[in-house]
Amino acid sequence: MLSWWEKNFASCELGDERLNNRAYAIGKALSQGFGKALSEIFTSTNELKRAYEFLPTAKQSLTE
């Protein structure tokens, strides 16, 4: 039986094998560290930075 991250990330196609591999690795790490802060899941500064850059984040504005 496939794990959650394999079901959701194994067949992703982002147009670049490196991006596909990064999505797969991030998905695996997130599923293994479910409920933890990103800084706990990605222990190296480089991994954490790459995860933040890769994951979509909504930008909030305090002014309109």
PDB file of N, CA and C in Angstrom:
ATOM      1  N   MET A   1       0.839  -1.179   0.000  1.00  0.00           N
ATOM      2  CA  MET A   1       0.000   0.000   0.000  1.00  0.00           C
ATOM      3  C   MET A   1       0.890   1.251   0.000  1.00  0.00           C
ATOM      4  N   LEU A   2       0.534   2.184  -0.838  1.00  0.00           N
ATOM      5  CA  LEU A   2       1.310   3.424  -0.921  1.00  0.00           C
ATOM      6  C   LEU A   2       1.020   4.304   0.284  1.00  0.00           C
ATOM      7  N   SER A   3       2.047   4.970   0.747  1.00  0.00           N
ATOM      8  CA  SER A   3       1.852   5.911   1.840  1.00  0.00           C
ATOM      9  C   SER A   3       1.230   7.194   1.290  1.00  0.00           C
ATOM     10  N   TRP A   4       0.792   8.055   2.203  1.00  0.00           N
ATOM     11  CA  TRP A   4       0.128   9.294   1.810  1.00  0.00           C
ATOM     12  C   TRP A   4       1.004  10.131   0.879  1.00  0.00           C
ATOM     13  N   TRP A   5       2.262  10.284   1.238  1.00  0.00           N
ATOM     14  CA  TRP A   5       3.128  11.148   0.425  1.00  0.00           C
ATOM     15  C   TRP A   5       3.391  10.546  -0.936  1.00  0.00           C
ATOM     16  N   GLU A   6       3.470   9.217  -1.042  1.00  0.00           N
ATOM     17  CA  GLU A   6       3.664   8.589  -2.350  1.00  0.00           C
ATOM     18  C   GLU A   6       2.434   8.800  -3.234  1.00  0.00           C
ATOM     19  N   LYS A   7       1.240   8.663  -2.656  1.00  0.00           N
ATOM     20  CA  LYS A   7       0.004   8.869  -3.409  1.00  0.00           C
ATOM     21  C   LYS A   7      -0.099  10.298  -3.930  1.00  0.00           C
ATOM     22  N   ASN A   8       0.327  11.250  -3.128  1.00  0.00           N
ATOM     23  CA  ASN A   8       0.149  12.652  -3.469  1.00  0.00           C
ATOM     24  C   ASN A   8       1.316  13.284  -4.219  1.00  0.00           C
ATOM     25  N   PHE A   9       2.503  12.717  -4.118  1.00  0.00           N
ATOM     26  CA  PHE A   9       3.661  13.357  -4.726  1.00  0.00           C
ATOM     27  C   PHE A   9       4.383  12.515  -5.769  1.00  0.00           C
ATOM     28  N   ALA A  10       4.193  11.198  -5.754  1.00  0.00           N
ATOM     29  CA  ALA A  10       4.951  10.325  -6.650  1.00  0.00           C
ATOM     30  C   ALA A  10       4.673  10.599  -8.119  1.00  0.00           C
ATOM     31  N   SER A  11       3.466  11.006  -8.442  1.00  0.00           N
ATOM     32  CA  SER A  11       3.126  11.210  -9.850  1.00  0.00           C
ATOM     33  C   SER A  11       3.088  12.689 -10.242  1.00  0.00           C
ATOM     34  N   CYS A  12       3.623  13.562  -9.400  1.00  0.00           N
ATOM     35  CA  CYS A  12       3.597  14.986  -9.744  1.00  0.00           C
ATOM     36  C   CYS A  12       4.485  15.231 -10.966  1.00  0.00           C
ATOM     37  N   GLU A  13       4.032  16.115 -11.798  1.00  0.00           N
ATOM     38  CA  GLU A  13       4.787  16.458 -13.001  1.00  0.00           C
ATOM     39  C   GLU A  13       4.830  17.975 -13.101  1.00  0.00           C
ATOM     40  N   LEU A  14       5.982  18.527 -12.717  1.00  0.00           N
ATOM     41  CA  LEU A  14       6.142  19.981 -12.694  1.00  0.00           C
ATOM     42  C   LEU A  14       6.938  20.497 -13.886  1.00  0.00           C
ATOM     43  N   GLY A  15       7.243  19.608 -14.819  1.00  0.00           N
ATOM     44  CA  GLY A  15       7.946  20.028 -16.020  1.00  0.00           C
ATOM     45  C   GLY A  15       9.459  19.987 -15.930  1.00  0.00           C
ATOM     46  N   ASP A  16       9.980  19.640 -14.769  1.00  0.00           N
ATOM     47  CA  ASP A  16      11.422  19.573 -14.561  1.00  0.00           C
ATOM     48  C   ASP A  16      11.680  18.480 -13.530  1.00  0.00           C
ATOM     49  N   GLU A  17      12.534  17.548 -13.854  1.00  0.00           N
ATOM     50  CA  GLU A  17      12.790  16.418 -12.963  1.00  0.00           C
ATOM     51  C   GLU A  17      13.297  16.873 -11.598  1.00  0.00           C
ATOM     52  N   ARG A  18      14.094  17.936 -11.575  1.00  0.00           N
ATOM     53  CA  ARG A  18      14.613  18.443 -10.290  1.00  0.00           C
ATOM     54  C   ARG A  18      13.476  18.943  -9.403  1.00  0.00           C
ATOM     55  N   LEU A  19      12.509  19.643 -10.018  1.00  0.00           N
ATOM     56  CA  LEU A  19      11.362  20.126  -9.252  1.00  0.00           C
ATOM     57  C   LEU A  19      10.503  18.963  -8.772  1.00  0.00           C
ATOM     58  N   ASN A  20      10.330  17.966  -9.636  1.00  0.00           N
ATOM     59  CA  ASN A  20       9.570  16.777  -9.243  1.00  0.00           C
ATOM     60  C   ASN A  20      10.232  16.106  -8.037  1.00  0.00           C
ATOM     61  N   ASN A  21      11.547  15.953  -8.090  1.00  0.00           N
ATOM     62  CA  ASN A  21      12.281  15.322  -6.988  1.00  0.00           C
ATOM     63  C   ASN A  21      12.185  16.145  -5.713  1.00  0.00           C
ATOM     64  N   ARG A  22      12.247  17.458  -5.852  1.00  0.00           N
ATOM     65  CA  ARG A  22      12.151  18.330  -4.673  1.00  0.00           C
ATOM     66  C   ARG A  22      10.761  18.224  -4.054  1.00  0.00           C
ATOM     67  N   ALA A  23       9.719  18.241  -4.889  1.00  0.00           N
ATOM     68  CA  ALA A  23       8.352  18.103  -4.382  1.00  0.00           C
ATOM     69  C   ALA A  23       8.183  16.781  -3.651  1.00  0.00           C
ATOM     70  N   TYR A  24       8.728  15.726  -4.219  1.00  0.00           N
ATOM     71  CA  TYR A  24       8.638  14.397  -3.623  1.00  0.00           C
ATOM     72  C   TYR A  24       9.354  14.376  -2.270  1.00  0.00           C
ATOM     73  N   ALA A  25      10.552  14.934  -2.214  1.00  0.00           N
ATOM     74  CA  ALA A  25      11.327  14.949  -0.966  1.00  0.00           C
ATOM     75  C   ALA A  25      10.654  15.807   0.104  1.00  0.00           C
ATOM     76  N   ILE A  26      10.124  16.957  -0.284  1.00  0.00           N
ATOM     77  CA  ILE A  26       9.436  17.833   0.665  1.00  0.00           C
ATOM     78  C   ILE A  26       8.171  17.153   1.170  1.00  0.00           C
ATOM     79  N   GLY A  27       7.420  16.538   0.267  1.00  0.00           N
ATOM     80  CA  GLY A  27       6.208  15.831   0.673  1.00  0.00           C
ATOM     81  C   GLY A  27       6.503  14.708   1.658  1.00  0.00           C
ATOM     82  N   LYS A  28       7.562  13.976   1.413  1.00  0.00           N
ATOM     83  CA  LYS A  28       7.954  12.885   2.304  1.00  0.00           C
ATOM     84  C   LYS A  28       8.330  13.432   3.678  1.00  0.00           C
ATOM     85  N   ALA A  29       9.134  14.469   3.696  1.00  0.00           N
ATOM     86  CA  ALA A  29       9.562  15.066   4.965  1.00  0.00           C
ATOM     87  C   ALA A  29       8.368  15.622   5.742  1.00  0.00           C
ATOM     88  N   LEU A  30       7.449  16.288   5.048  1.00  0.00           N
ATOM     89  CA  LEU A  30       6.275  16.850   5.715  1.00  0.00           C
ATOM     90  C   LEU A  30       5.395  15.752   6.295  1.00  0.00           C
ATOM     91  N   SER A  31       5.234  14.653   5.562  1.00  0.00           N
ATOM     92  CA  SER A  31       4.392  13.565   6.068  1.00  0.00           C
ATOM     93  C   SER A  31       5.036  12.886   7.276  1.00  0.00           C
ATOM     94  N   GLN A  32       6.354  12.808   7.294  1.00  0.00           N
ATOM     95  CA  GLN A  32       7.043  12.190   8.428  1.00  0.00           C
ATOM     96  C   GLN A  32       7.073  13.104   9.646  1.00  0.00           C
ATOM     97  N   GLY A  33       7.000  14.404   9.423  1.00  0.00           N
ATOM     98  CA  GLY A  33       7.049  15.355  10.527  1.00  0.00           C
ATOM     99  C   GLY A  33       5.726  16.055  10.747  1.00  0.00           C
ATOM    100  N   PHE A  34       4.639  15.391  10.390  1.00  0.00           N
ATOM    101  CA  PHE A  34       3.310  16.006  10.490  1.00  0.00           C
ATOM    102  C   PHE A  34       3.080  16.611  11.874  1.00  0.00           C
ATOM    103  N   GLY A  35       2.641  17.855  11.888  1.00  0.00           N
ATOM    104  CA  GLY A  35       2.356  18.546  13.139  1.00  0.00           C
ATOM    105  C   GLY A  35       3.526  19.319  13.711  1.00  0.00           C
ATOM    106  N   LYS A  36       4.683  19.185  13.109  1.00  0.00           N
ATOM    107  CA  LYS A  36       5.864  19.897  13.595  1.00  0.00           C
ATOM    108  C   LYS A  36       6.071  21.174  12.789  1.00  0.00           C
ATOM    109  N   ALA A  37       6.825  22.084  13.351  1.00  0.00           N
ATOM    110  CA  ALA A  37       7.203  23.303  12.641  1.00  0.00           C
ATOM    111  C   ALA A  37       8.179  22.945  11.524  1.00  0.00           C
ATOM    112  N   LEU A  38       8.168  23.728  10.456  1.00  0.00           N
ATOM    113  CA  LEU A  38       9.095  23.466   9.352  1.00  0.00           C
ATOM    114  C   LEU A  38      10.543  23.450   9.816  1.00  0.00           C
ATOM    115  N   SER A  39      10.866  24.293  10.773  1.00  0.00           N
ATOM    116  CA  SER A  39      12.251  24.338  11.269  1.00  0.00           C
ATOM    117  C   SER A  39      12.633  23.062  12.021  1.00  0.00           C
ATOM    118  N   GLU A  40      11.648  22.299  12.494  1.00  0.00           N
ATOM    119  CA  GLU A  40      11.929  21.011  13.127  1.00  0.00           C
ATOM    120  C   GLU A  40      12.053  19.904  12.090  1.00  0.00           C
ATOM    121  N   ILE A  41      11.312  20.030  10.999  1.00  0.00           N
ATOM    122  CA  ILE A  41      11.316  19.013   9.947  1.00  0.00           C
ATOM    123  C   ILE A  41      12.579  19.122   9.107  1.00  0.00           C
ATOM    124  N   PHE A  42      12.908  20.350   8.704  1.00  0.00           N
ATOM    125  CA  PHE A  42      14.085  20.599   7.872  1.00  0.00           C
ATOM    126  C   PHE A  42      15.172  21.165   8.770  1.00  0.00           C
ATOM    127  N   THR A  43      16.092  20.303   9.166  1.00  0.00           N
ATOM    128  CA  THR A  43      17.067  20.700  10.183  1.00  0.00           C
ATOM    129  C   THR A  43      18.201  21.565   9.652  1.00  0.00           C
ATOM    130  N   SER A  44      18.546  21.420   8.379  1.00  0.00           N
ATOM    131  CA  SER A  44      19.616  22.274   7.854  1.00  0.00           C
ATOM    132  C   SER A  44      19.010  23.573   7.323  1.00  0.00           C
ATOM    133  N   THR A  45      19.763  24.625   7.426  1.00  0.00           N
ATOM    134  CA  THR A  45      19.310  25.929   6.951  1.00  0.00           C
ATOM    135  C   THR A  45      18.979  25.888   5.465  1.00  0.00           C
ATOM    136  N   ASN A  46      19.798  25.196   4.694  1.00  0.00           N
ATOM    137  CA  ASN A  46      19.583  25.103   3.255  1.00  0.00           C
ATOM    138  C   ASN A  46      18.267  24.391   2.934  1.00  0.00           C
ATOM    139  N   GLU A  47      17.997  23.259   3.604  1.00  0.00           N
ATOM    140  CA  GLU A  47      16.748  22.531   3.374  1.00  0.00           C
ATOM    141  C   GLU A  47      15.550  23.381   3.743  1.00  0.00           C
ATOM    142  N   LEU A  48      15.627  24.074   4.871  1.00  0.00           N
ATOM    143  CA  LEU A  48      14.527  24.918   5.318  1.00  0.00           C
ATOM    144  C   LEU A  48      14.261  26.045   4.330  1.00  0.00           C
ATOM    145  N   LYS A  49      15.321  26.697   3.869  1.00  0.00           N
ATOM    146  CA  LYS A  49      15.178  27.782   2.899  1.00  0.00           C
ATOM    147  C   LYS A  49      14.542  27.270   1.611  1.00  0.00           C
ATOM    148  N   ARG A  50      14.997  26.134   1.113  1.00  0.00           N
ATOM    149  CA  ARG A  50      14.442  25.567  -0.118  1.00  0.00           C
ATOM    150  C   ARG A  50      12.980  25.182   0.047  1.00  0.00           C
ATOM    151  N   ALA A  51      12.613  24.667   1.210  1.00  0.00           N
ATOM    152  CA  ALA A  51      11.213  24.308   1.461  1.00  0.00           C
ATOM    153  C   ALA A  51      10.335  25.561   1.454  1.00  0.00           C
ATOM    154  N   TYR A  52      10.780  26.617   2.131  1.00  0.00           N
ATOM    155  CA  TYR A  52      10.018  27.868   2.144  1.00  0.00           C
ATOM    156  C   TYR A  52       9.889  28.452   0.735  1.00  0.00           C
ATOM    157  N   GLU A  53      10.940  28.382  -0.039  1.00  0.00           N
ATOM    158  CA  GLU A  53      10.893  28.909  -1.408  1.00  0.00           C
ATOM    159  C   GLU A  53       9.973  28.085  -2.295  1.00  0.00           C
ATOM    160  N   PHE A  54       9.918  26.785  -2.043  1.00  0.00           N
ATOM    161  CA  PHE A  54       9.139  25.891  -2.889  1.00  0.00           C
ATOM    162  C   PHE A  54       7.651  25.931  -2.563  1.00  0.00           C
ATOM    163  N   LEU A  55       7.329  25.977  -1.264  1.00  0.00           N
ATOM    164  CA  LEU A  55       5.936  25.919  -0.842  1.00  0.00           C
ATOM    165  C   LEU A  55       5.246  27.250  -1.107  1.00  0.00           C
ATOM    166  N   PRO A  56       4.027  27.178  -1.662  1.00  0.00           N
ATOM    167  CA  PRO A  56       3.299  28.432  -1.913  1.00  0.00           C
ATOM    168  C   PRO A  56       2.825  29.033  -0.602  1.00  0.00           C
ATOM    169  N   THR A  57       3.036  30.321  -0.473  1.00  0.00           N
ATOM    170  CA  THR A  57       2.556  31.012   0.704  1.00  0.00           C
ATOM    171  C   THR A  57       1.789  32.251   0.270  1.00  0.00           C
ATOM    172  N   ALA A  58       0.650  32.428   0.872  1.00  0.00           N
ATOM    173  CA  ALA A  58      -0.138  33.614   0.559  1.00  0.00           C
ATOM    174  C   ALA A  58       0.517  34.815   1.240  1.00  0.00           C
ATOM    175  N   LYS A  59       0.705  35.864   0.478  1.00  0.00           N
ATOM    176  CA  LYS A  59       1.293  37.062   1.036  1.00  0.00           C
ATOM    177  C   LYS A  59       0.184  37.965   1.547  1.00  0.00           C
ATOM    178  N   GLN A  60       0.348  38.414   2.757  1.00  0.00           N
ATOM    179  CA  GLN A  60      -0.660  39.257   3.387  1.00  0.00           C
ATOM    180  C   GLN A  60      -0.203  40.702   3.358  1.00  0.00           C
ATOM    181  N   SER A  61      -1.139  41.554   3.175  1.00  0.00           N
ATOM    182  CA  SER A  61      -0.854  42.976   3.190  1.00  0.00           C
ATOM    183  C   SER A  61      -1.709  43.645   4.275  1.00  0.00           C
ATOM    184  N   LEU A  62      -1.076  44.458   5.091  1.00  0.00           N
ATOM    185  CA  LEU A  62      -1.813  45.151   6.131  1.00  0.00           C
ATOM    186  C   LEU A  62      -2.437  46.442   5.625  1.00  0.00           C
ATOM    187  N   THR A  63      -2.026  46.881   4.457  1.00  0.00           N
ATOM    188  CA  THR A  63      -2.615  48.091   3.882  1.00  0.00           C
ATOM    189  C   THR A  63      -3.416  47.697   2.654  1.00  0.00           C
ATOM    190  N   GLU A  64      -4.422  48.468   2.392  1.00  0.00           N
ATOM    191  CA  GLU A  64      -5.234  48.185   1.203  1.00  0.00           C
ATOM    192  C   GLU A  64      -5.233  49.340   0.258  1.00  0.00           C
TER     193      GLU A  64
END
